[in-house]
Amino acid sequence: MNRQELEAELANLEEELEDVKQERHFMLEKTSIHVPGHAKHRFDAEIKELEEKINQIKTQLAKL
């Protein structure tokens, strides 16, 4: 991937990460309904995966 493609992918991943964090916050803290424990683990796993992808792209960009 070239620099432009990496930067575009980075922007997409950062936006997706923000969306997942907002969804997690709403589902786990702003609703009065019970949310199963596995839902929190799913959100946490998705956030971790996105953060790892973002860090990989930042590392690749630093090498360019």
C-alpha atoms as a PDB file:
ATOM      1  CA  MET A   1       0.000   0.000   0.000  1.00  0.00           C
ATOM      2  CA  ASN A   2       1.182   3.493  -0.689  1.00  0.00           C
ATOM      3  CA  ARG A   3       1.106   6.370   1.796  1.00  0.00           C
ATOM      4  CA  GLN A   4      -2.246   7.716   0.572  1.00  0.00           C
ATOM      5  CA  GLU A   5      -3.940   4.331   0.882  1.00  0.00           C
ATOM      6  CA  LEU A   6      -2.487   3.802   4.362  1.00  0.00           C
ATOM      7  CA  GLU A   7      -3.651   7.233   5.515  1.00  0.00           C
ATOM      8  CA  ALA A   8      -7.159   6.581   4.147  1.00  0.00           C
ATOM      9  CA  GLU A   9      -7.281   3.188   5.868  1.00  0.00           C
ATOM     10  CA  LEU A  10      -6.040   4.772   9.095  1.00  0.00           C
ATOM     11  CA  ALA A  11      -8.780   7.403   8.971  1.00  0.00           C
ATOM     12  CA  ASN A  12     -11.426   4.720   8.359  1.00  0.00           C
ATOM     13  CA  LEU A  13     -10.190   2.576  11.233  1.00  0.00           C
ATOM     14  CA  GLU A  14     -10.036   5.532  13.617  1.00  0.00           C
ATOM     15  CA  GLU A  15     -13.594   6.488  12.718  1.00  0.00           C
ATOM     16  CA  GLU A  16     -14.764   2.900  13.178  1.00  0.00           C
ATOM     17  CA  LEU A  17     -12.984   2.737  16.553  1.00  0.00           C
ATOM     18  CA  GLU A  18     -14.741   5.894  17.708  1.00  0.00           C
ATOM     19  CA  ASP A  19     -18.103   4.466  16.604  1.00  0.00           C
ATOM     20  CA  VAL A  20     -17.519   1.217  18.499  1.00  0.00           C
ATOM     21  CA  LYS A  21     -16.458   3.110  21.626  1.00  0.00           C
ATOM     22  CA  GLN A  22     -19.578   5.271  21.457  1.00  0.00           C
ATOM     23  CA  GLU A  23     -21.800   2.231  20.930  1.00  0.00           C
ATOM     24  CA  ARG A  24     -20.137   0.456  23.868  1.00  0.00           C
ATOM     25  CA  HIS A  25     -20.586   3.502  26.084  1.00  0.00           C
ATOM     26  CA  PHE A  26     -24.250   3.785  25.177  1.00  0.00           C
ATOM     27  CA  MET A  27     -25.035   0.081  25.531  1.00  0.00           C
ATOM     28  CA  LEU A  28     -23.167  -0.483  28.778  1.00  0.00           C
ATOM     29  CA  GLU A  29     -23.595   2.802  30.614  1.00  0.00           C
ATOM     30  CA  LYS A  30     -26.557   4.739  29.267  1.00  0.00           C
ATOM     31  CA  THR A  31     -29.286   2.128  29.143  1.00  0.00           C
ATOM     32  CA  SER A  32     -31.231   0.658  31.998  1.00  0.00           C
ATOM     33  CA  ILE A  33     -31.637  -2.720  30.315  1.00  0.00           C
ATOM     34  CA  HIS A  34     -29.417  -5.638  31.261  1.00  0.00           C
ATOM     35  CA  VAL A  35     -26.660  -6.293  28.747  1.00  0.00           C
ATOM     36  CA  PRO A  36     -25.095  -9.778  28.859  1.00  0.00           C
ATOM     37  CA  GLY A  37     -21.468 -10.013  29.927  1.00  0.00           C
ATOM     38  CA  HIS A  38     -20.430 -11.439  26.573  1.00  0.00           C
ATOM     39  CA  ALA A  39     -21.505  -8.164  24.930  1.00  0.00           C
ATOM     40  CA  LYS A  40     -18.867  -6.266  26.919  1.00  0.00           C
ATOM     41  CA  HIS A  41     -16.244  -8.828  25.908  1.00  0.00           C
ATOM     42  CA  ARG A  42     -17.294  -8.484  22.262  1.00  0.00           C
ATOM     43  CA  PHE A  43     -16.932  -4.705  22.408  1.00  0.00           C
ATOM     44  CA  ASP A  44     -13.568  -4.974  24.165  1.00  0.00           C
ATOM     45  CA  ALA A  45     -12.278  -7.506  21.625  1.00  0.00           C
ATOM     46  CA  GLU A  46     -13.397  -5.349  18.712  1.00  0.00           C
ATOM     47  CA  ILE A  47     -11.784  -2.259  20.231  1.00  0.00           C
ATOM     48  CA  LYS A  48      -8.527  -4.129  20.833  1.00  0.00           C
ATOM     49  CA  GLU A  49      -8.487  -5.450  17.261  1.00  0.00           C
ATOM     50  CA  LEU A  50      -9.074  -1.983  15.801  1.00  0.00           C
ATOM     51  CA  GLU A  51      -6.380  -0.452  18.017  1.00  0.00           C
ATOM     52  CA  GLU A  52      -3.901  -3.120  16.880  1.00  0.00           C
ATOM     53  CA  LYS A  53      -4.698  -2.454  13.216  1.00  0.00           C
ATOM     54  CA  ILE A  54      -4.307   1.302  13.776  1.00  0.00           C
ATOM     55  CA  ASN A  55      -0.925   0.775  15.445  1.00  0.00           C
ATOM     56  CA  GLN A  56       0.239  -1.442  12.558  1.00  0.00           C
ATOM     57  CA  ILE A  57      -0.689   1.203  10.013  1.00  0.00           C
ATOM     58  CA  LYS A  58       1.006   3.940  12.057  1.00  0.00           C
ATOM     59  CA  THR A  59       4.152   1.796  12.154  1.00  0.00           C
ATOM     60  CA  GLN A  60       4.017   1.321   8.393  1.00  0.00           C
ATOM     61  CA  LEU A  61       3.524   5.057   7.860  1.00  0.00           C
ATOM     62  CA  ALA A  62       6.505   5.835  10.087  1.00  0.00           C
ATOM     63  CA  LYS A  63       8.686   3.647   7.861  1.00  0.00           C
ATOM     64  CA  LEU A  64       7.711   5.552   4.713  1.00  0.00           C
END
